[in-house]
C-alpha atoms as a PDB file:
ATOM      1  CA  MET A   1      37.473  54.157 -62.752  1.00  0.00           C
ATOM      2  CA  SER A   2      33.858  53.333 -63.455  1.00  0.00           C
ATOM      3  CA  GLN A   3      31.664  55.714 -65.395  1.00  0.00           C
ATOM      4  CA  ASP A   4      27.881  55.923 -65.097  1.00  0.00           C
ATOM      5  CA  PHE A   5      25.938  56.182 -68.326  1.00  0.00           C
ATOM      6  CA  PRO A   6      22.332  57.426 -68.431  1.00  0.00           C
ATOM      7  CA  VAL A   7      19.779  54.697 -68.985  1.00  0.00           C
ATOM      8  CA  PRO A   8      17.958  55.117 -72.305  1.00  0.00           C
ATOM      9  CA  ARG A   9      14.303  56.060 -71.864  1.00  0.00           C
ATOM     10  CA  ALA A  10      13.160  52.886 -73.600  1.00  0.00           C
ATOM     11  CA  GLU A  11      14.831  50.819 -70.864  1.00  0.00           C
ATOM     12  CA  MET A  12      13.475  52.809 -67.919  1.00  0.00           C
ATOM     13  CA  ARG A  13      10.919  51.085 -65.733  1.00  0.00           C
ATOM     14  CA  ALA A  14       7.301  52.136 -66.228  1.00  0.00           C
ATOM     15  CA  SER A  15       4.954  52.893 -63.323  1.00  0.00           C
ATOM     16  CA  HIS A  16       1.309  51.994 -62.747  1.00  0.00           C
ATOM     17  CA  GLU A  17       0.311  55.495 -63.875  1.00  0.00           C
ATOM     18  CA  ASP A  18       2.374  55.182 -67.085  1.00  0.00           C
ATOM     19  CA  ARG A  19       0.507  51.975 -67.948  1.00  0.00           C
ATOM     20  CA  ASP A  20      -2.843  53.538 -67.120  1.00  0.00           C
ATOM     21  CA  ILE A  21      -2.203  56.489 -69.446  1.00  0.00           C
ATOM     22  CA  ILE A  22      -1.438  54.153 -72.348  1.00  0.00           C
ATOM     23  CA  VAL A  23      -4.612  52.168 -71.667  1.00  0.00           C
ATOM     24  CA  ASP A  24      -6.638  55.391 -71.865  1.00  0.00           C
ATOM     25  CA  GLN A  25      -5.055  56.250 -75.206  1.00  0.00           C
ATOM     26  CA  LEU A  26      -5.856  52.798 -76.558  1.00  0.00           C
ATOM     27  CA  ARG A  27      -9.486  53.073 -75.478  1.00  0.00           C
ATOM     28  CA  VAL A  28      -9.819  56.428 -77.230  1.00  0.00           C
ATOM     29  CA  ALA A  29      -8.265  54.946 -80.383  1.00  0.00           C
ATOM     30  CA  ALA A  30     -10.769  52.078 -80.286  1.00  0.00           C
ATOM     31  CA  GLY A  31     -13.625  54.559 -79.888  1.00  0.00           C
ATOM     32  CA  ASP A  32     -12.382  56.398 -82.974  1.00  0.00           C
ATOM     33  CA  GLY A  33     -12.349  53.138 -84.949  1.00  0.00           C
ATOM     34  CA  ARG A  34      -8.564  53.068 -85.353  1.00  0.00           C
ATOM     35  CA  ILE A  35      -8.228  49.616 -83.743  1.00  0.00           C
ATOM     36  CA  ASP A  36     -10.842  46.872 -83.402  1.00  0.00           C
ATOM     37  CA  GLY A  37     -12.030  45.137 -80.249  1.00  0.00           C
ATOM     38  CA  ASP A  38      -9.694  42.152 -80.478  1.00  0.00           C
ATOM     39  CA  GLU A  39      -6.650  44.319 -81.015  1.00  0.00           C
ATOM     40  CA  LEU A  40      -7.731  46.600 -78.174  1.00  0.00           C
ATOM     41  CA  ASP A  41      -7.844  43.622 -75.804  1.00  0.00           C
ATOM     42  CA  GLN A  42      -4.416  42.442 -76.946  1.00  0.00           C
ATOM     43  CA  ARG A  43      -2.828  45.869 -76.562  1.00  0.00           C
ATOM     44  CA  ILE A  44      -4.379  46.436 -73.148  1.00  0.00           C
ATOM     45  CA  GLU A  45      -3.057  43.073 -71.958  1.00  0.00           C
ATOM     46  CA  ALA A  46       0.387  44.044 -73.221  1.00  0.00           C
ATOM     47  CA  ALA A  47       0.168  47.487 -71.589  1.00  0.00           C
ATOM     48  CA  MET A  48      -0.802  46.105 -68.192  1.00  0.00           C
ATOM     49  CA  SER A  49       2.134  43.703 -68.241  1.00  0.00           C
ATOM     50  CA  ALA A  50       4.697  46.112 -69.753  1.00  0.00           C
ATOM     51  CA  ARG A  51       7.815  46.720 -67.689  1.00  0.00           C
ATOM     52  CA  THR A  52       9.537  49.553 -69.578  1.00  0.00           C
ATOM     53  CA  TYR A  53       8.709  52.721 -71.502  1.00  0.00           C
ATOM     54  CA  GLY A  54       9.949  51.043 -74.649  1.00  0.00           C
ATOM     55  CA  GLU A  55       7.337  48.291 -74.358  1.00  0.00           C
ATOM     56  CA  LEU A  56       4.615  50.891 -73.817  1.00  0.00           C
ATOM     57  CA  ASP A  57       5.758  53.106 -76.699  1.00  0.00           C
ATOM     58  CA  LYS A  58       5.348  50.215 -79.150  1.00  0.00           C
ATOM     59  CA  LEU A  59       1.654  50.049 -78.355  1.00  0.00           C
ATOM     60  CA  THR A  60       0.870  53.628 -79.419  1.00  0.00           C
ATOM     61  CA  LYS A  61       3.542  54.433 -82.017  1.00  0.00           C
ATOM     62  CA  ASP A  62       1.025  53.983 -84.867  1.00  0.00           C
ATOM     63  CA  LEU A  63      -1.563  56.310 -83.270  1.00  0.00           C
ATOM     64  CA  PRO A  64      -1.751  60.041 -84.097  1.00  0.00           C
ATOM     65  CA  ARG A  65      -0.772  62.580 -81.471  1.00  0.00           C
ATOM     66  CA  ALA A  66      -4.364  63.867 -81.289  1.00  0.00           C
ATOM     67  CA  THR A  67      -5.466  60.471 -79.985  1.00  0.00           C
ATOM     68  CA  GLN A  68      -2.802  60.552 -77.274  1.00  0.00           C
ATOM     69  CA  GLN A  69      -3.877  64.056 -76.208  1.00  0.00           C
ATOM     70  CA  ALA A  70      -7.526  62.966 -76.136  1.00  0.00           C
ATOM     71  CA  GLY A  71      -6.569  60.106 -73.844  1.00  0.00           C
ATOM     72  CA  LEU A  72      -4.942  62.522 -71.393  1.00  0.00           C
ATOM     73  CA  ALA A  73      -7.967  64.847 -71.497  1.00  0.00           C
ATOM     74  CA  ARG A  74     -10.318  61.954 -70.889  1.00  0.00           C
ATOM     75  CA  ARG A  75      -8.291  60.878 -67.866  1.00  0.00           C
ATOM     76  CA  THR A  76      -8.422  64.384 -66.358  1.00  0.00           C
ATOM     77  CA  GLU A  77     -12.209  64.591 -66.757  1.00  0.00           C
ATOM     78  CA  ALA A  78     -12.777  61.236 -65.065  1.00  0.00           C
ATOM     79  CA  GLN A  79     -10.407  61.694 -62.137  1.00  0.00           C
ATOM     80  CA  ALA A  80     -12.798  63.442 -59.761  1.00  0.00           C
ATOM     81  CA  SER A  81     -16.089  61.541 -59.826  1.00  0.00           C
ATOM     82  CA  GLN A  82     -18.455  59.465 -61.912  1.00  0.00           C
ATOM     83  CA  ASN A  83     -22.130  58.603 -61.576  1.00  0.00           C
ATOM     84  CA  ILE A  84     -23.838  55.291 -62.275  1.00  0.00           C
ATOM     85  CA  THR A  85     -27.627  55.639 -62.332  1.00  0.00           C
ATOM     86  CA  ILE A  86     -29.851  52.661 -63.184  1.00  0.00           C
ATOM     87  CA  SER A  87     -33.601  52.151 -62.976  1.00  0.00           C
ATOM     88  CA  HIS A  88     -35.119  48.819 -64.018  1.00  0.00           C
ATOM     89  CA  GLY A  89     -32.029  47.833 -65.955  1.00  0.00           C
ATOM     90  CA  ASN A  90     -28.558  46.321 -65.904  1.00  0.00           C
ATOM     91  CA  THR A  91     -25.079  47.742 -66.289  1.00  0.00           C
ATOM     92  CA  HIS A  92     -21.489  46.742 -65.662  1.00  0.00           C
ATOM     93  CA  LYS A  93     -17.937  48.053 -65.562  1.00  0.00           C
ATOM     94  CA  ARG A  94     -15.332  45.552 -66.720  1.00  0.00           C
ATOM     95  CA  GLY A  95     -11.830  45.463 -68.122  1.00  0.00           C
ATOM     96  CA  ALA A  96      -9.584  48.543 -68.092  1.00  0.00           C
ATOM     97  CA  TRP A  97     -12.196  51.114 -67.089  1.00  0.00           C
ATOM     98  CA  LEU A  98     -11.043  54.343 -65.503  1.00  0.00           C
ATOM     99  CA  VAL A  99     -11.888  54.485 -61.786  1.00  0.00           C
ATOM    100  CA  PRO A 100     -12.535  57.963 -60.323  1.00  0.00           C
ATOM    101  CA  ARG A 101     -11.750  59.056 -56.792  1.00  0.00           C
ATOM    102  CA  GLN A 102     -15.485  58.972 -56.007  1.00  0.00           C
ATOM    103  CA  LEU A 103     -18.084  56.718 -57.576  1.00  0.00           C
ATOM    104  CA  ASN A 104     -21.753  57.536 -56.956  1.00  0.00           C
ATOM    105  CA  VAL A 105     -24.022  54.533 -57.544  1.00  0.00           C
ATOM    106  CA  THR A 106     -27.798  55.003 -57.639  1.00  0.00           C
ATOM    107  CA  VAL A 107     -29.898  51.932 -58.444  1.00  0.00           C
ATOM    108  CA  ARG A 108     -33.619  51.225 -58.357  1.00  0.00           C
ATOM    109  CA  HIS A 109     -34.710  47.714 -59.329  1.00  0.00           C
ATOM    110  CA  GLY A 110     -31.518  46.970 -61.245  1.00  0.00           C
ATOM    111  CA  ASN A 111     -28.384  44.853 -61.425  1.00  0.00           C
ATOM    112  CA  VAL A 112     -24.859  46.303 -61.359  1.00  0.00           C
ATOM    113  CA  LEU A 113     -21.483  44.580 -61.687  1.00  0.00           C
ATOM    114  CA  LEU A 114     -18.311  46.531 -60.877  1.00  0.00           C
ATOM    115  CA  ASP A 115     -15.121  44.635 -61.694  1.00  0.00           C
ATOM    116  CA  PHE A 116     -12.006  46.291 -60.236  1.00  0.00           C
ATOM    117  CA  THR A 117      -9.596  43.468 -61.092  1.00  0.00           C
ATOM    118  CA  GLU A 118      -8.348  45.081 -64.318  1.00  0.00           C
ATOM    119  CA  ALA A 119      -9.454  48.632 -63.638  1.00  0.00           C
ATOM    120  CA  VAL A 120      -7.293  51.698 -64.234  1.00  0.00           C
ATOM    121  CA  PHE A 121      -6.799  54.170 -61.379  1.00  0.00           C
ATOM    122  CA  SER A 122      -6.106  57.834 -62.064  1.00  0.00           C
ATOM    123  CA  GLY A 123      -3.861  58.180 -59.017  1.00  0.00           C
ATOM    124  CA  ALA A 124      -3.882  56.504 -55.634  1.00  0.00           C
ATOM    125  CA  ARG A 125      -5.602  53.129 -55.693  1.00  0.00           C
ATOM    126  CA  GLU A 126      -8.413  54.404 -53.496  1.00  0.00           C
ATOM    127  CA  VAL A 127     -12.079  54.916 -54.308  1.00  0.00           C
ATOM    128  CA  ASP A 128     -15.039  56.116 -52.260  1.00  0.00           C
ATOM    129  CA  MET A 129     -18.282  54.496 -53.384  1.00  0.00           C
ATOM    130  CA  VAL A 130     -21.384  56.402 -52.296  1.00  0.00           C
ATOM    131  CA  LEU A 131     -24.384  54.080 -52.615  1.00  0.00           C
ATOM    132  CA  ASP A 132     -28.098  54.770 -52.883  1.00  0.00           C
ATOM    133  CA  VAL A 133     -29.377  51.340 -53.923  1.00  0.00           C
ATOM    134  CA  ARG A 134     -32.844  49.895 -53.386  1.00  0.00           C
ATOM    135  CA  HIS A 135     -34.340  46.643 -54.586  1.00  0.00           C
ATOM    136  CA  ALA A 136     -31.101  45.905 -56.406  1.00  0.00           C
ATOM    137  CA  ASN A 137     -28.285  43.441 -56.907  1.00  0.00           C
ATOM    138  CA  LEU A 138     -24.812  44.943 -56.654  1.00  0.00           C
ATOM    139  CA  ARG A 139     -21.782  42.733 -57.246  1.00  0.00           C
ATOM    140  CA  ILE A 140     -18.248  44.027 -56.722  1.00  0.00           C
ATOM    141  CA  LEU A 141     -15.291  41.991 -57.923  1.00  0.00           C
ATOM    142  CA  VAL A 142     -11.891  42.939 -56.471  1.00  0.00           C
ATOM    143  CA  PRO A 143      -8.313  41.616 -56.542  1.00  0.00           C
ATOM    144  CA  ALA A 144      -7.043  39.565 -53.643  1.00  0.00           C
ATOM    145  CA  GLY A 145      -5.785  41.740 -50.799  1.00  0.00           C
ATOM    146  CA  THR A 146      -8.291  44.563 -51.322  1.00  0.00           C
ATOM    147  CA  VAL A 147      -8.968  46.634 -48.201  1.00  0.00           C
ATOM    148  CA  LEU A 148     -12.716  47.139 -47.714  1.00  0.00           C
ATOM    149  CA  ASP A 149     -14.356  49.631 -45.318  1.00  0.00           C
ATOM    150  CA  THR A 150     -18.161  49.424 -44.894  1.00  0.00           C
ATOM    151  CA  SER A 151     -18.400  51.314 -41.590  1.00  0.00           C
ATOM    152  CA  GLY A 152     -20.185  54.223 -43.295  1.00  0.00           C
ATOM    153  CA  LEU A 153     -22.780  52.070 -45.066  1.00  0.00           C
ATOM    154  CA  ALA A 154     -26.326  51.917 -43.682  1.00  0.00           C
ATOM    155  CA  THR A 155     -28.275  48.760 -44.598  1.00  0.00           C
ATOM    156  CA  ARG A 156     -31.944  47.883 -44.245  1.00  0.00           C
ATOM    157  CA  HIS A 157     -33.226  44.471 -45.292  1.00  0.00           C
ATOM    158  CA  ALA A 158     -29.984  44.028 -47.219  1.00  0.00           C
ATOM    159  CA  ASN A 159     -27.559  41.133 -47.497  1.00  0.00           C
ATOM    160  CA  LEU A 160     -23.878  42.054 -47.393  1.00  0.00           C
ATOM    161  CA  GLY A 161     -21.674  39.222 -48.614  1.00  0.00           C
ATOM    162  CA  GLN A 162     -18.029  39.807 -47.774  1.00  0.00           C
ATOM    163  CA  PRO A 163     -15.856  36.694 -47.888  1.00  0.00           C
ATOM    164  CA  GLY A 164     -12.171  36.815 -46.978  1.00  0.00           C
ATOM    165  CA  LEU A 165     -10.269  39.015 -49.402  1.00  0.00           C
ATOM    166  CA  GLY A 166      -6.815  37.956 -48.251  1.00  0.00           C
ATOM    167  CA  PRO A 167      -4.005  39.948 -46.605  1.00  0.00           C
ATOM    168  CA  ALA A 168      -3.527  43.481 -47.928  1.00  0.00           C
ATOM    169  CA  ALA A 169      -0.768  43.863 -50.502  1.00  0.00           C
ATOM    170  CA  PRO A 170       1.517  46.957 -50.721  1.00  0.00           C
ATOM    171  CA  ASP A 171      -0.412  48.169 -53.788  1.00  0.00           C
ATOM    172  CA  ALA A 172      -3.830  47.043 -52.515  1.00  0.00           C
ATOM    173  CA  ILE A 173      -7.014  48.746 -53.603  1.00  0.00           C
ATOM    174  CA  ARG A 174      -8.707  50.585 -50.746  1.00  0.00           C
ATOM    175  CA  LEU A 175     -12.465  50.579 -51.249  1.00  0.00           C
ATOM    176  CA  THR A 176     -14.775  52.567 -48.962  1.00  0.00           C
ATOM    177  CA  LEU A 177     -18.543  51.993 -49.127  1.00  0.00           C
ATOM    178  CA  SER A 178     -20.924  54.578 -47.669  1.00  0.00           C
ATOM    179  CA  GLY A 179     -24.521  55.671 -48.191  1.00  0.00           C
ATOM    180  CA  GLN A 180     -27.446  53.288 -47.961  1.00  0.00           C
ATOM    181  CA  ALA A 181     -28.589  49.932 -49.299  1.00  0.00           C
ATOM    182  CA  GLU A 182     -32.189  48.775 -48.870  1.00  0.00           C
ATOM    183  CA  HIS A 183     -33.728  45.494 -49.974  1.00  0.00           C
ATOM    184  CA  THR A 184     -30.477  44.794 -51.772  1.00  0.00           C
ATOM    185  CA  ASN A 185     -28.062  41.935 -52.295  1.00  0.00           C
ATOM    186  CA  LEU A 186     -24.568  43.421 -52.059  1.00  0.00           C
ATOM    187  CA  ARG A 187     -21.680  41.034 -52.607  1.00  0.00           C
ATOM    188  CA  VAL A 188     -17.958  41.799 -52.591  1.00  0.00           C
ATOM    189  CA  ARG A 189     -15.733  38.934 -53.656  1.00  0.00           C
ATOM    190  CA  ARG A 190     -12.199  38.362 -54.895  1.00  0.00           C
ATOM    191  CA  LEU A 191     -11.146  37.010 -58.257  1.00  0.00           C
ATOM    192  CA  SER A 192     -10.976  33.225 -58.214  1.00  0.00           C
ATOM    193  CA  ARG A 193      -7.599  31.508 -58.480  1.00  0.00           C
ATOM    194  CA  PHE A 194      -8.715  29.894 -61.735  1.00  0.00           C
ATOM    195  CA  ALA A 195      -9.465  33.324 -63.213  1.00  0.00           C
ATOM    196  CA  GLU A 196      -6.151  34.684 -61.903  1.00  0.00           C
ATOM    197  CA  ARG A 197      -4.208  31.894 -63.596  1.00  0.00           C
ATOM    198  CA  ARG A 198      -6.124  32.392 -66.826  1.00  0.00           C
ATOM    199  CA  ARG A 199      -5.303  36.094 -66.881  1.00  0.00           C
ATOM    200  CA  GLU A 200      -1.657  35.364 -66.162  1.00  0.00           C
ATOM    201  CA  ARG A 201      -1.559  33.041 -69.166  1.00  0.00           C
ATOM    202  CA  LEU A 202      -3.181  35.677 -71.372  1.00  0.00           C
ATOM    203  CA  ALA A 203      -0.725  38.325 -70.171  1.00  0.00           C
ATOM    204  CA  GLN A 204       2.214  36.012 -70.855  1.00  0.00           C
ATOM    205  CA  ARG A 205       0.883  35.298 -74.336  1.00  0.00           C
ATOM    206  CA  ALA A 206       0.513  39.026 -75.003  1.00  0.00           C
ATOM    207  CA  ARG A 207       4.117  39.644 -73.903  1.00  0.00           C
ATOM    208  CA  GLN A 208       5.372  36.915 -76.223  1.00  0.00           C
ATOM    209  CA  GLN A 209       3.410  38.336 -79.150  1.00  0.00           C
ATOM    210  CA  SER A 210       4.864  41.808 -78.515  1.00  0.00           C
ATOM    211  CA  LEU A 211       8.465  40.576 -78.735  1.00  0.00           C
ATOM    212  CA  PRO A 212      10.289  41.369 -82.013  1.00  0.00           C
ATOM    213  CA  ARG A 213      10.723  38.471 -84.362  1.00  0.00           C
END
């Protein structure tokens, strides 16, 4: 007669949300000066490729509980919406930044890069981008298979570059653009295969470094 034994927590499979929570905690720890930039990058790589709770727990076991609670609070604050406002300047979002449900982007004579390829989503992988951009350059980098909807976007003297993003994957990002773009270059493109392979190599290296010796 077979007997089922409960799976230890450390061996249970982690979800996308579990990984995202750990990434938030690591970013808070870096902001507090507890870990430096290089170590932050290494731990984030390991978190994004972690398969179990045990692998995730190793990445925050040396951080105080207050840091973990701050990470959860930060995630709650950023879930609803964020604003990006630029005038005669440049800004970007790269790496494991926390994507809200709605992102309001206002640009006048500026350049903005939004890289969603390593971004962290607070829930469903959906984001509504409300644009008010004029005399601007807006570049959006997305993973292959992203679903893009621009039916609600009004353009005037604007270039909208939208090459093939590939067939939608089960966990595809769904990006909706609305609002207005005037005298603007707006380009949405997927991560190149070269960049994808490079990130895979970095993730594999991070997994190997996290293994006990």
